[in-house]
């Protein structure tokens, strides 16, 4: 069931929500250092420093952990409250999301809740649909929107998260966790190679390339999943499903499903749709790390499918 936060946000005109100028300025610097810098670092890594086995291990492990932090932490937990983690596990998810470098998790949630409030309409921070060409829309949604945009008011969008002291205790150290994400793979590779070059190659592959791949993955969902693909549900937006990106997005590429049931921890909504994020949540539930996992009933899902809605409309 969609949570009350999403319903209350939709009822308010986004144009009257004040933006935080300080947040907007911080976001521009964030864009330059944490979004743009990984691009040349990735090119340097690919063409000058081919990865060793340890580089690939560092990249893969940190990519997966930070992706889990963003997808399951910032998105399914903080933005949509689709499950309830224990206190310490909640803080771990926020920490991993912070290391992902996609913005402070609480701020990320504010942007995402605004996105759901006005999806693919004026005021949506990263819609690809309101541009002259699909190419310009694609660039904006995947990358360009982070350079210049209005900042949602956190006191409106994420007041519940700001009141959570456990979340705040981790979120306020966002840039320290970014520094840890940069230093950790460098020190790991130095310990393995016992040579100063290990610091550089560990940083390149463990942070530079990893950051680029993670940002590209999130950018893909923001852009391509609102331009082309299939639709299982008649939502009030242009969201689409892409089965071929299920694994690298942990199931987020079933984006039309998500916009139909934003409060669901299960984005795949059917066995044939591989949803790694949901599988992890179920494992955490079994381990006692999370509870109250929100999933719509099969009957509700079936009633919302396009064919069922059209049939119901015809009968009426």
C-alpha atoms as a PDB file:
ATOM      1  CA  UNK A   1       0.000   0.000   0.000  1.00  0.00           C
ATOM      2  CA  UNK A   2       1.297   3.470  -0.847  1.00  0.00           C
ATOM      3  CA  UNK A   3       2.434   5.259   2.247  1.00  0.00           C
ATOM      4  CA  UNK A   4       0.790   8.381   3.622  1.00  0.00           C
ATOM      5  CA  UNK A   5       3.861  10.490   2.902  1.00  0.00           C
ATOM      6  CA  UNK A   6       3.412  10.049  -0.835  1.00  0.00           C
ATOM      7  CA  UNK A   7      -0.302  10.891  -0.709  1.00  0.00           C
ATOM      8  CA  UNK A   8       0.279  14.051   1.312  1.00  0.00           C
ATOM      9  CA  UNK A   9       3.065  15.209  -1.019  1.00  0.00           C
ATOM     10  CA  UNK A  10       0.886  14.835  -4.107  1.00  0.00           C
ATOM     11  CA  UNK A  11      -1.800  17.065  -2.651  1.00  0.00           C
ATOM     12  CA  UNK A  12       0.420  20.153  -2.533  1.00  0.00           C
ATOM     13  CA  UNK A  13       1.405  22.391  -5.456  1.00  0.00           C
ATOM     14  CA  UNK A  14       5.176  21.948  -5.893  1.00  0.00           C
ATOM     15  CA  UNK A  15       5.588  25.527  -7.125  1.00  0.00           C
ATOM     16  CA  UNK A  16       4.923  26.898  -3.629  1.00  0.00           C
ATOM     17  CA  UNK A  17       7.546  24.759  -1.946  1.00  0.00           C
ATOM     18  CA  UNK A  18      10.552  26.974  -1.074  1.00  0.00           C
ATOM     19  CA  UNK A  19      13.980  25.848  -2.227  1.00  0.00           C
ATOM     20  CA  UNK A  20      17.050  25.853  -0.004  1.00  0.00           C
ATOM     21  CA  UNK A  21      19.727  28.026  -1.669  1.00  0.00           C
ATOM     22  CA  UNK A  22      22.530  26.562   0.416  1.00  0.00           C
ATOM     23  CA  UNK A  23      21.555  23.046  -0.616  1.00  0.00           C
ATOM     24  CA  UNK A  24      21.535  24.077  -4.285  1.00  0.00           C
ATOM     25  CA  UNK A  25      25.045  25.535  -4.038  1.00  0.00           C
ATOM     26  CA  UNK A  26      26.336  22.440  -2.296  1.00  0.00           C
ATOM     27  CA  UNK A  27      24.769  20.262  -4.991  1.00  0.00           C
ATOM     28  CA  UNK A  28      26.659  22.087  -7.755  1.00  0.00           C
ATOM     29  CA  UNK A  29      29.996  21.363  -6.077  1.00  0.00           C
ATOM     30  CA  UNK A  30      28.843  17.821  -5.483  1.00  0.00           C
ATOM     31  CA  UNK A  31      28.151  17.530  -9.212  1.00  0.00           C
ATOM     32  CA  UNK A  32      31.657  18.676 -10.171  1.00  0.00           C
ATOM     33  CA  UNK A  33      33.616  16.517  -7.729  1.00  0.00           C
ATOM     34  CA  UNK A  34      31.508  13.403  -7.242  1.00  0.00           C
ATOM     35  CA  UNK A  35      29.670  13.134 -10.563  1.00  0.00           C
ATOM     36  CA  UNK A  36      32.054  14.620 -13.144  1.00  0.00           C
ATOM     37  CA  UNK A  37      35.467  13.634 -11.741  1.00  0.00           C
ATOM     38  CA  UNK A  38      34.865   9.855 -11.996  1.00  0.00           C
ATOM     39  CA  UNK A  39      34.505  10.199 -15.788  1.00  0.00           C
ATOM     40  CA  UNK A  40      38.151  11.103 -16.556  1.00  0.00           C
ATOM     41  CA  UNK A  41      39.309   8.775 -13.781  1.00  0.00           C
ATOM     42  CA  UNK A  42      37.492   5.918 -15.500  1.00  0.00           C
ATOM     43  CA  UNK A  43      39.115   6.741 -18.835  1.00  0.00           C
ATOM     44  CA  UNK A  44      42.552   6.853 -17.197  1.00  0.00           C
ATOM     45  CA  UNK A  45      41.909   3.504 -15.508  1.00  0.00           C
ATOM     46  CA  UNK A  46      40.719   1.827 -18.699  1.00  0.00           C
ATOM     47  CA  UNK A  47      43.498   3.058 -20.969  1.00  0.00           C
ATOM     48  CA  UNK A  48      46.482   3.407 -18.644  1.00  0.00           C
ATOM     49  CA  UNK A  49      45.993   1.010 -15.734  1.00  0.00           C
ATOM     50  CA  UNK A  50      44.338  -2.302 -16.707  1.00  0.00           C
ATOM     51  CA  UNK A  51      42.785  -3.885 -13.622  1.00  0.00           C
ATOM     52  CA  UNK A  52      44.443  -6.599 -11.607  1.00  0.00           C
ATOM     53  CA  UNK A  53      42.405  -9.325  -9.934  1.00  0.00           C
ATOM     54  CA  UNK A  54      42.470  -7.381  -6.672  1.00  0.00           C
ATOM     55  CA  UNK A  55      41.312  -4.219  -8.479  1.00  0.00           C
ATOM     56  CA  UNK A  56      38.336  -6.111  -9.888  1.00  0.00           C
ATOM     57  CA  UNK A  57      37.500  -7.549  -6.469  1.00  0.00           C
ATOM     58  CA  UNK A  58      37.649  -4.099  -4.865  1.00  0.00           C
ATOM     59  CA  UNK A  59      35.516  -2.623  -7.627  1.00  0.00           C
ATOM     60  CA  UNK A  60      32.912  -5.407  -7.517  1.00  0.00           C
ATOM     61  CA  UNK A  61      32.543  -5.558  -3.740  1.00  0.00           C
ATOM     62  CA  UNK A  62      32.302  -1.797  -3.276  1.00  0.00           C
ATOM     63  CA  UNK A  63      30.019  -1.395  -6.302  1.00  0.00           C
ATOM     64  CA  UNK A  64      27.598  -3.996  -4.939  1.00  0.00           C
ATOM     65  CA  UNK A  65      27.620  -2.669  -1.364  1.00  0.00           C
ATOM     66  CA  UNK A  66      27.090   0.950  -2.397  1.00  0.00           C
ATOM     67  CA  UNK A  67      24.425  -0.042  -4.932  1.00  0.00           C
ATOM     68  CA  UNK A  68      22.592  -1.920  -2.175  1.00  0.00           C
ATOM     69  CA  UNK A  69      22.906   1.187  -0.011  1.00  0.00           C
ATOM     70  CA  UNK A  70      21.331   3.425  -2.649  1.00  0.00           C
ATOM     71  CA  UNK A  71      18.671   1.001  -3.937  1.00  0.00           C
ATOM     72  CA  UNK A  72      17.587  -0.639  -0.690  1.00  0.00           C
ATOM     73  CA  UNK A  73      18.653   2.126   1.693  1.00  0.00           C
ATOM     74  CA  UNK A  74      17.976   5.511   0.081  1.00  0.00           C
ATOM     75  CA  UNK A  75      15.211   4.295  -2.203  1.00  0.00           C
ATOM     76  CA  UNK A  76      13.129   1.458  -0.822  1.00  0.00           C
ATOM     77  CA  UNK A  77      13.664   2.343   2.847  1.00  0.00           C
ATOM     78  CA  UNK A  78      14.228   6.090   3.261  1.00  0.00           C
ATOM     79  CA  UNK A  79      12.123   7.295   0.328  1.00  0.00           C
ATOM     80  CA  UNK A  80       9.250   4.819   0.494  1.00  0.00           C
ATOM     81  CA  UNK A  81       9.410   3.154   3.929  1.00  0.00           C
ATOM     82  CA  UNK A  82       8.710  -0.218   2.309  1.00  0.00           C
ATOM     83  CA  UNK A  83      10.299  -2.079   5.246  1.00  0.00           C
ATOM     84  CA  UNK A  84      11.488  -1.349   8.776  1.00  0.00           C
ATOM     85  CA  UNK A  85      15.130  -2.148   9.609  1.00  0.00           C
ATOM     86  CA  UNK A  86      16.599  -2.539  13.066  1.00  0.00           C
ATOM     87  CA  UNK A  87      18.388   0.499  14.485  1.00  0.00           C
ATOM     88  CA  UNK A  88      21.937  -0.601  13.672  1.00  0.00           C
ATOM     89  CA  UNK A  89      21.031  -2.055  10.287  1.00  0.00           C
ATOM     90  CA  UNK A  90      19.240   1.160   9.398  1.00  0.00           C
ATOM     91  CA  UNK A  91      22.421   3.074  10.127  1.00  0.00           C
ATOM     92  CA  UNK A  92      24.474   0.614   8.064  1.00  0.00           C
ATOM     93  CA  UNK A  93      22.192   1.117   5.062  1.00  0.00           C
ATOM     94  CA  UNK A  94      22.511   4.903   5.369  1.00  0.00           C
ATOM     95  CA  UNK A  95      26.302   4.574   5.648  1.00  0.00           C
ATOM     96  CA  UNK A  96      26.526   2.410   2.506  1.00  0.00           C
ATOM     97  CA  UNK A  97      24.245   4.809   0.636  1.00  0.00           C
ATOM     98  CA  UNK A  98      26.485   7.690   1.699  1.00  0.00           C
ATOM     99  CA  UNK A  99      29.570   5.895   0.390  1.00  0.00           C
ATOM    100  CA  UNK A 100      27.762   5.621  -2.946  1.00  0.00           C
ATOM    101  CA  UNK A 101      28.201   9.368  -3.401  1.00  0.00           C
ATOM    102  CA  UNK A 102      24.727  10.012  -4.829  1.00  0.00           C
ATOM    103  CA  UNK A 103      24.030  12.748  -2.302  1.00  0.00           C
ATOM    104  CA  UNK A 104      23.291  12.647   1.427  1.00  0.00           C
ATOM    105  CA  UNK A 105      20.675   9.883   1.749  1.00  0.00           C
ATOM    106  CA  UNK A 106      18.119  12.155   3.416  1.00  0.00           C
ATOM    107  CA  UNK A 107      18.512  14.717   0.618  1.00  0.00           C
ATOM    108  CA  UNK A 108      18.335  11.895  -1.961  1.00  0.00           C
ATOM    109  CA  UNK A 109      15.013  10.872  -0.431  1.00  0.00           C
ATOM    110  CA  UNK A 110      13.723  14.451  -0.624  1.00  0.00           C
ATOM    111  CA  UNK A 111      14.490  14.616  -4.349  1.00  0.00           C
ATOM    112  CA  UNK A 112      12.931  11.223  -4.922  1.00  0.00           C
ATOM    113  CA  UNK A 113       9.727  12.028  -3.072  1.00  0.00           C
ATOM    114  CA  UNK A 114       9.414  15.185  -5.156  1.00  0.00           C
ATOM    115  CA  UNK A 115       9.976  13.095  -8.282  1.00  0.00           C
ATOM    116  CA  UNK A 116       7.004  10.928  -7.304  1.00  0.00           C
ATOM    117  CA  UNK A 117       4.906  13.979  -6.492  1.00  0.00           C
ATOM    118  CA  UNK A 118       5.157  15.429 -10.004  1.00  0.00           C
ATOM    119  CA  UNK A 119       6.557  12.599 -12.118  1.00  0.00           C
ATOM    120  CA  UNK A 120       7.242  13.655 -15.715  1.00  0.00           C
ATOM    121  CA  UNK A 121       5.576  17.014 -15.110  1.00  0.00           C
ATOM    122  CA  UNK A 122       6.865  20.503 -14.444  1.00  0.00           C
ATOM    123  CA  UNK A 123       8.875  20.391 -11.224  1.00  0.00           C
ATOM    124  CA  UNK A 124      10.167  16.828 -11.631  1.00  0.00           C
ATOM    125  CA  UNK A 125      13.925  17.166 -10.969  1.00  0.00           C
ATOM    126  CA  UNK A 126      15.022  14.615 -13.563  1.00  0.00           C
ATOM    127  CA  UNK A 127      12.295  13.871 -16.066  1.00  0.00           C
ATOM    128  CA  UNK A 128      13.517  13.260 -19.660  1.00  0.00           C
ATOM    129  CA  UNK A 129      10.104  14.014 -21.170  1.00  0.00           C
ATOM    130  CA  UNK A 130       9.926  17.838 -21.010  1.00  0.00           C
ATOM    131  CA  UNK A 131      12.681  18.617 -23.505  1.00  0.00           C
ATOM    132  CA  UNK A 132      12.880  19.485 -27.194  1.00  0.00           C
ATOM    133  CA  UNK A 133      14.465  16.190 -28.172  1.00  0.00           C
ATOM    134  CA  UNK A 134      14.772  12.758 -26.623  1.00  0.00           C
ATOM    135  CA  UNK A 135      18.555  13.143 -26.664  1.00  0.00           C
ATOM    136  CA  UNK A 136      18.496  16.357 -24.629  1.00  0.00           C
ATOM    137  CA  UNK A 137      15.982  14.790 -22.255  1.00  0.00           C
ATOM    138  CA  UNK A 138      18.160  11.713 -21.901  1.00  0.00           C
ATOM    139  CA  UNK A 139      21.212  13.824 -21.038  1.00  0.00           C
ATOM    140  CA  UNK A 140      19.265  15.916 -18.541  1.00  0.00           C
ATOM    141  CA  UNK A 141      17.724  12.967 -16.685  1.00  0.00           C
ATOM    142  CA  UNK A 142      20.879  10.853 -16.597  1.00  0.00           C
ATOM    143  CA  UNK A 143      23.416  13.554 -15.851  1.00  0.00           C
ATOM    144  CA  UNK A 144      22.650  17.230 -16.474  1.00  0.00           C
ATOM    145  CA  UNK A 145      19.931  17.765 -13.884  1.00  0.00           C
ATOM    146  CA  UNK A 146      22.465  17.531 -11.063  1.00  0.00           C
ATOM    147  CA  UNK A 147      24.306  20.610 -12.329  1.00  0.00           C
ATOM    148  CA  UNK A 148      21.459  23.082 -11.874  1.00  0.00           C
ATOM    149  CA  UNK A 149      18.032  22.530 -10.386  1.00  0.00           C
ATOM    150  CA  UNK A 150      15.604  23.597  -7.706  1.00  0.00           C
ATOM    151  CA  UNK A 151      16.212  21.956  -4.362  1.00  0.00           C
ATOM    152  CA  UNK A 152      13.236  20.434  -2.566  1.00  0.00           C
ATOM    153  CA  UNK A 153      12.578  21.699   0.917  1.00  0.00           C
ATOM    154  CA  UNK A 154      13.639  18.905   3.298  1.00  0.00           C
ATOM    155  CA  UNK A 155      11.337  20.260   6.012  1.00  0.00           C
ATOM    156  CA  UNK A 156       8.409  19.431   3.733  1.00  0.00           C
ATOM    157  CA  UNK A 157       9.539  16.266   1.987  1.00  0.00           C
ATOM    158  CA  UNK A 158      11.549  14.417   4.628  1.00  0.00           C
ATOM    159  CA  UNK A 159      10.482  15.827   7.979  1.00  0.00           C
ATOM    160  CA  UNK A 160      10.046  12.250   9.228  1.00  0.00           C
ATOM    161  CA  UNK A 161      13.666  11.430   8.369  1.00  0.00           C
ATOM    162  CA  UNK A 162      14.997  14.623   9.926  1.00  0.00           C
ATOM    163  CA  UNK A 163      13.326  13.625  13.184  1.00  0.00           C
ATOM    164  CA  UNK A 164      15.054  10.239  13.198  1.00  0.00           C
ATOM    165  CA  UNK A 165      18.189  10.695  15.304  1.00  0.00           C
ATOM    166  CA  UNK A 166      19.631   7.330  14.230  1.00  0.00           C
ATOM    167  CA  UNK A 167      19.498   8.350  10.564  1.00  0.00           C
ATOM    168  CA  UNK A 168      20.777  11.841  11.299  1.00  0.00           C
ATOM    169  CA  UNK A 169      23.762  10.521  13.264  1.00  0.00           C
ATOM    170  CA  UNK A 170      25.055   8.848  10.084  1.00  0.00           C
ATOM    171  CA  UNK A 171      23.709  11.209   7.423  1.00  0.00           C
ATOM    172  CA  UNK A 172      25.436  14.266   8.916  1.00  0.00           C
ATOM    173  CA  UNK A 173      28.832  12.656   8.281  1.00  0.00           C
ATOM    174  CA  UNK A 174      28.117  12.142   4.570  1.00  0.00           C
ATOM    175  CA  UNK A 175      31.392  13.640   3.346  1.00  0.00           C
ATOM    176  CA  UNK A 176      33.394  11.593   5.841  1.00  0.00           C
ATOM    177  CA  UNK A 177      31.829   8.446   4.389  1.00  0.00           C
ATOM    178  CA  UNK A 178      32.749   9.709   0.902  1.00  0.00           C
ATOM    179  CA  UNK A 179      36.343  10.094   2.069  1.00  0.00           C
ATOM    180  CA  UNK A 180      36.221   6.545   3.445  1.00  0.00           C
ATOM    181  CA  UNK A 181      34.943   5.293   0.076  1.00  0.00           C
ATOM    182  CA  UNK A 182      37.913   6.965  -1.617  1.00  0.00           C
ATOM    183  CA  UNK A 183      40.584   5.876   0.851  1.00  0.00           C
ATOM    184  CA  UNK A 184      39.461   2.317   1.613  1.00  0.00           C
ATOM    185  CA  UNK A 185      40.165   0.708  -1.797  1.00  0.00           C
ATOM    186  CA  UNK A 186      43.433   2.636  -2.090  1.00  0.00           C
ATOM    187  CA  UNK A 187      44.655   1.302   1.270  1.00  0.00           C
ATOM    188  CA  UNK A 188      43.435  -2.197   0.422  1.00  0.00           C
ATOM    189  CA  UNK A 189      45.418  -2.225  -2.817  1.00  0.00           C
ATOM    190  CA  UNK A 190      48.484  -0.763  -1.092  1.00  0.00           C
ATOM    191  CA  UNK A 191      48.353  -3.590   1.454  1.00  0.00           C
ATOM    192  CA  UNK A 192      48.106  -6.147  -1.362  1.00  0.00           C
ATOM    193  CA  UNK A 193      50.773  -4.757  -3.705  1.00  0.00           C
ATOM    194  CA  UNK A 194      53.043  -3.230  -1.044  1.00  0.00           C
ATOM    195  CA  UNK A 195      53.878  -0.574  -3.617  1.00  0.00           C
ATOM    196  CA  UNK A 196      52.846   3.113  -3.754  1.00  0.00           C
ATOM    197  CA  UNK A 197      51.218   2.572  -7.158  1.00  0.00           C
ATOM    198  CA  UNK A 198      48.641   0.478  -5.336  1.00  0.00           C
ATOM    199  CA  UNK A 199      47.258   3.627  -3.727  1.00  0.00           C
ATOM    200  CA  UNK A 200      46.593   5.102  -7.179  1.00  0.00           C
ATOM    201  CA  UNK A 201      45.172   2.024  -8.891  1.00  0.00           C
ATOM    202  CA  UNK A 202      43.060   1.132  -5.862  1.00  0.00           C
ATOM    203  CA  UNK A 203      41.618   4.652  -5.893  1.00  0.00           C
ATOM    204  CA  UNK A 204      41.040   4.556  -9.652  1.00  0.00           C
ATOM    205  CA  UNK A 205      39.181   1.242  -9.725  1.00  0.00           C
ATOM    206  CA  UNK A 206      37.701   1.150  -6.234  1.00  0.00           C
ATOM    207  CA  UNK A 207      36.375   4.701  -6.276  1.00  0.00           C
ATOM    208  CA  UNK A 208      36.677   6.331  -9.729  1.00  0.00           C
ATOM    209  CA  UNK A 209      35.369   3.515 -11.924  1.00  0.00           C
ATOM    210  CA  UNK A 210      32.997   2.270  -9.227  1.00  0.00           C
ATOM    211  CA  UNK A 211      31.480   5.763  -8.832  1.00  0.00           C
ATOM    212  CA  UNK A 212      31.076   6.158 -12.586  1.00  0.00           C
ATOM    213  CA  UNK A 213      29.313   2.791 -12.958  1.00  0.00           C
ATOM    214  CA  UNK A 214      27.034   3.434  -9.986  1.00  0.00           C
ATOM    215  CA  UNK A 215      26.065   6.913 -11.196  1.00  0.00           C
ATOM    216  CA  UNK A 216      25.449   5.558 -14.692  1.00  0.00           C
ATOM    217  CA  UNK A 217      23.181   2.855 -13.286  1.00  0.00           C
ATOM    218  CA  UNK A 218      21.046   5.353 -11.366  1.00  0.00           C
ATOM    219  CA  UNK A 219      21.087   7.708 -14.356  1.00  0.00           C
ATOM    220  CA  UNK A 220      19.855   4.914 -16.608  1.00  0.00           C
ATOM    221  CA  UNK A 221      16.765   4.395 -14.446  1.00  0.00           C
ATOM    222  CA  UNK A 222      16.079   8.140 -14.275  1.00  0.00           C
ATOM    223  CA  UNK A 223      16.321   8.526 -18.040  1.00  0.00           C
ATOM    224  CA  UNK A 224      15.804   5.410 -20.161  1.00  0.00           C
ATOM    225  CA  UNK A 225      13.119   4.001 -17.860  1.00  0.00           C
ATOM    226  CA  UNK A 226      11.036   7.104 -18.572  1.00  0.00           C
ATOM    227  CA  UNK A 227      11.522   7.080 -22.346  1.00  0.00           C
ATOM    228  CA  UNK A 228      11.206   3.593 -23.825  1.00  0.00           C
ATOM    229  CA  UNK A 229      10.140   0.130 -22.711  1.00  0.00           C
ATOM    230  CA  UNK A 230       7.013  -1.782 -21.734  1.00  0.00           C
ATOM    231  CA  UNK A 231       4.166  -0.817 -19.422  1.00  0.00           C
ATOM    232  CA  UNK A 232       2.298  -3.296 -17.268  1.00  0.00           C
ATOM    233  CA  UNK A 233       0.307  -0.633 -15.402  1.00  0.00           C
ATOM    234  CA  UNK A 234      -1.471   2.536 -16.530  1.00  0.00           C
ATOM    235  CA  UNK A 235       0.323   5.058 -14.319  1.00  0.00           C
ATOM    236  CA  UNK A 236       0.060   8.842 -14.657  1.00  0.00           C
ATOM    237  CA  UNK A 237       3.600   9.125 -15.950  1.00  0.00           C
ATOM    238  CA  UNK A 238       5.887   7.738 -18.631  1.00  0.00           C
ATOM    239  CA  UNK A 239       7.577   5.041 -16.517  1.00  0.00           C
ATOM    240  CA  UNK A 240       8.669   1.880 -18.336  1.00  0.00           C
ATOM    241  CA  UNK A 241       9.982  -1.614 -17.539  1.00  0.00           C
ATOM    242  CA  UNK A 242      13.333  -2.961 -18.825  1.00  0.00           C
ATOM    243  CA  UNK A 243      13.911  -6.627 -18.016  1.00  0.00           C
ATOM    244  CA  UNK A 244      17.456  -6.595 -19.425  1.00  0.00           C
ATOM    245  CA  UNK A 245      18.702  -4.205 -16.729  1.00  0.00           C
ATOM    246  CA  UNK A 246      17.220  -6.158 -13.828  1.00  0.00           C
ATOM    247  CA  UNK A 247      20.512  -7.492 -12.455  1.00  0.00           C
ATOM    248  CA  UNK A 248      22.698  -4.343 -12.621  1.00  0.00           C
ATOM    249  CA  UNK A 249      19.862  -2.259 -11.092  1.00  0.00           C
ATOM    250  CA  UNK A 250      18.891  -4.889  -8.478  1.00  0.00           C
ATOM    251  CA  UNK A 251      15.375  -4.921  -9.927  1.00  0.00           C
ATOM    252  CA  UNK A 252      14.866  -1.153 -10.185  1.00  0.00           C
ATOM    253  CA  UNK A 253      14.537  -1.338 -13.974  1.00  0.00           C
ATOM    254  CA  UNK A 254      10.979  -2.627 -13.526  1.00  0.00           C
ATOM    255  CA  UNK A 255      10.240   1.037 -13.119  1.00  0.00           C
ATOM    256  CA  UNK A 256       6.637   1.073 -14.296  1.00  0.00           C
ATOM    257  CA  UNK A 257       5.925  -1.518 -11.609  1.00  0.00           C
ATOM    258  CA  UNK A 258       7.527   0.776  -9.049  1.00  0.00           C
ATOM    259  CA  UNK A 259       5.497   3.809 -10.063  1.00  0.00           C
ATOM    260  CA  UNK A 260       2.315   1.743  -9.883  1.00  0.00           C
ATOM    261  CA  UNK A 261       3.185   0.514  -6.373  1.00  0.00           C
ATOM    262  CA  UNK A 262       5.803   2.944  -4.972  1.00  0.00           C
ATOM    263  CA  UNK A 263       5.444   1.716  -1.401  1.00  0.00           C
ATOM    264  CA  UNK A 264       6.198  -1.900  -2.325  1.00  0.00           C
ATOM    265  CA  UNK A 265       9.493  -3.499  -1.315  1.00  0.00           C
ATOM    266  CA  UNK A 266       8.933  -5.917  -4.198  1.00  0.00           C
ATOM    267  CA  UNK A 267       9.480  -4.041  -7.459  1.00  0.00           C
ATOM    268  CA  UNK A 268       9.486  -7.100  -9.725  1.00  0.00           C
ATOM    269  CA  UNK A 269       5.925  -8.058  -8.688  1.00  0.00           C
ATOM    270  CA  UNK A 270       6.125 -11.432 -10.448  1.00  0.00           C
ATOM    271  CA  UNK A 271       8.455 -14.434 -10.284  1.00  0.00           C
ATOM    272  CA  UNK A 272       9.715 -13.931 -13.850  1.00  0.00           C
ATOM    273  CA  UNK A 273      10.970 -10.441 -12.948  1.00  0.00           C
ATOM    274  CA  UNK A 274      14.300 -10.839 -11.164  1.00  0.00           C
ATOM    275  CA  UNK A 275      14.381  -8.433  -8.217  1.00  0.00           C
ATOM    276  CA  UNK A 276      17.677  -8.846  -6.354  1.00  0.00           C
ATOM    277  CA  UNK A 277      16.863  -5.968  -4.031  1.00  0.00           C
ATOM    278  CA  UNK A 278      13.690  -7.692  -2.846  1.00  0.00           C
ATOM    279  CA  UNK A 279      15.518 -10.993  -2.443  1.00  0.00           C
ATOM    280  CA  UNK A 280      18.009  -9.245  -0.160  1.00  0.00           C
ATOM    281  CA  UNK A 281      15.191  -7.684   1.862  1.00  0.00           C
ATOM    282  CA  UNK A 282      13.616 -11.102   2.366  1.00  0.00           C
ATOM    283  CA  UNK A 283      16.972 -12.536   3.497  1.00  0.00           C
ATOM    284  CA  UNK A 284      17.351  -9.646   5.946  1.00  0.00           C
ATOM    285  CA  UNK A 285      13.836 -10.334   7.209  1.00  0.00           C
ATOM    286  CA  UNK A 286      14.732 -13.983   7.799  1.00  0.00           C
ATOM    287  CA  UNK A 287      17.852 -12.854   9.695  1.00  0.00           C
ATOM    288  CA  UNK A 288      15.770 -10.529  11.863  1.00  0.00           C
ATOM    289  CA  UNK A 289      17.354  -7.367  10.452  1.00  0.00           C
ATOM    290  CA  UNK A 290      14.139  -5.945   8.953  1.00  0.00           C
ATOM    291  CA  UNK A 291      10.402  -6.321   9.517  1.00  0.00           C
ATOM    292  CA  UNK A 292       7.067  -5.036   8.158  1.00  0.00           C
ATOM    293  CA  UNK A 293       8.032  -5.724   4.554  1.00  0.00           C
ATOM    294  CA  UNK A 294       5.356  -4.080   2.418  1.00  0.00           C
ATOM    295  CA  UNK A 295       4.157  -6.028  -0.645  1.00  0.00           C
ATOM    296  CA  UNK A 296       0.799  -5.598  -2.421  1.00  0.00           C
ATOM    297  CA  UNK A 297      -1.464  -8.619  -2.627  1.00  0.00           C
ATOM    298  CA  UNK A 298      -1.536 -10.561  -5.919  1.00  0.00           C
ATOM    299  CA  UNK A 299      -5.197  -9.583  -6.275  1.00  0.00           C
ATOM    300  CA  UNK A 300      -4.390  -5.865  -6.033  1.00  0.00           C
ATOM    301  CA  UNK A 301      -1.539  -6.191  -8.519  1.00  0.00           C
ATOM    302  CA  UNK A 302      -3.765  -8.094 -10.953  1.00  0.00           C
ATOM    303  CA  UNK A 303      -6.534  -5.495 -10.673  1.00  0.00           C
ATOM    304  CA  UNK A 304      -4.143  -2.683 -11.588  1.00  0.00           C
ATOM    305  CA  UNK A 305      -2.722  -4.295 -14.717  1.00  0.00           C
ATOM    306  CA  UNK A 306      -3.580  -2.531 -17.966  1.00  0.00           C
ATOM    307  CA  UNK A 307      -5.696  -5.390 -19.333  1.00  0.00           C
ATOM    308  CA  UNK A 308      -7.728  -5.660 -16.123  1.00  0.00           C
ATOM    309  CA  UNK A 309      -8.316  -1.888 -15.951  1.00  0.00           C
ATOM    310  CA  UNK A 310      -9.452  -1.761 -19.604  1.00  0.00           C
ATOM    311  CA  UNK A 311     -11.791  -4.712 -19.047  1.00  0.00           C
ATOM    312  CA  UNK A 312     -13.279  -3.072 -15.960  1.00  0.00           C
ATOM    313  CA  UNK A 313     -13.787   0.203 -17.833  1.00  0.00           C
ATOM    314  CA  UNK A 314     -15.503  -1.629 -20.692  1.00  0.00           C
ATOM    315  CA  UNK A 315     -17.874  -3.431 -18.371  1.00  0.00           C
ATOM    316  CA  UNK A 316     -18.844  -0.194 -16.672  1.00  0.00           C
END
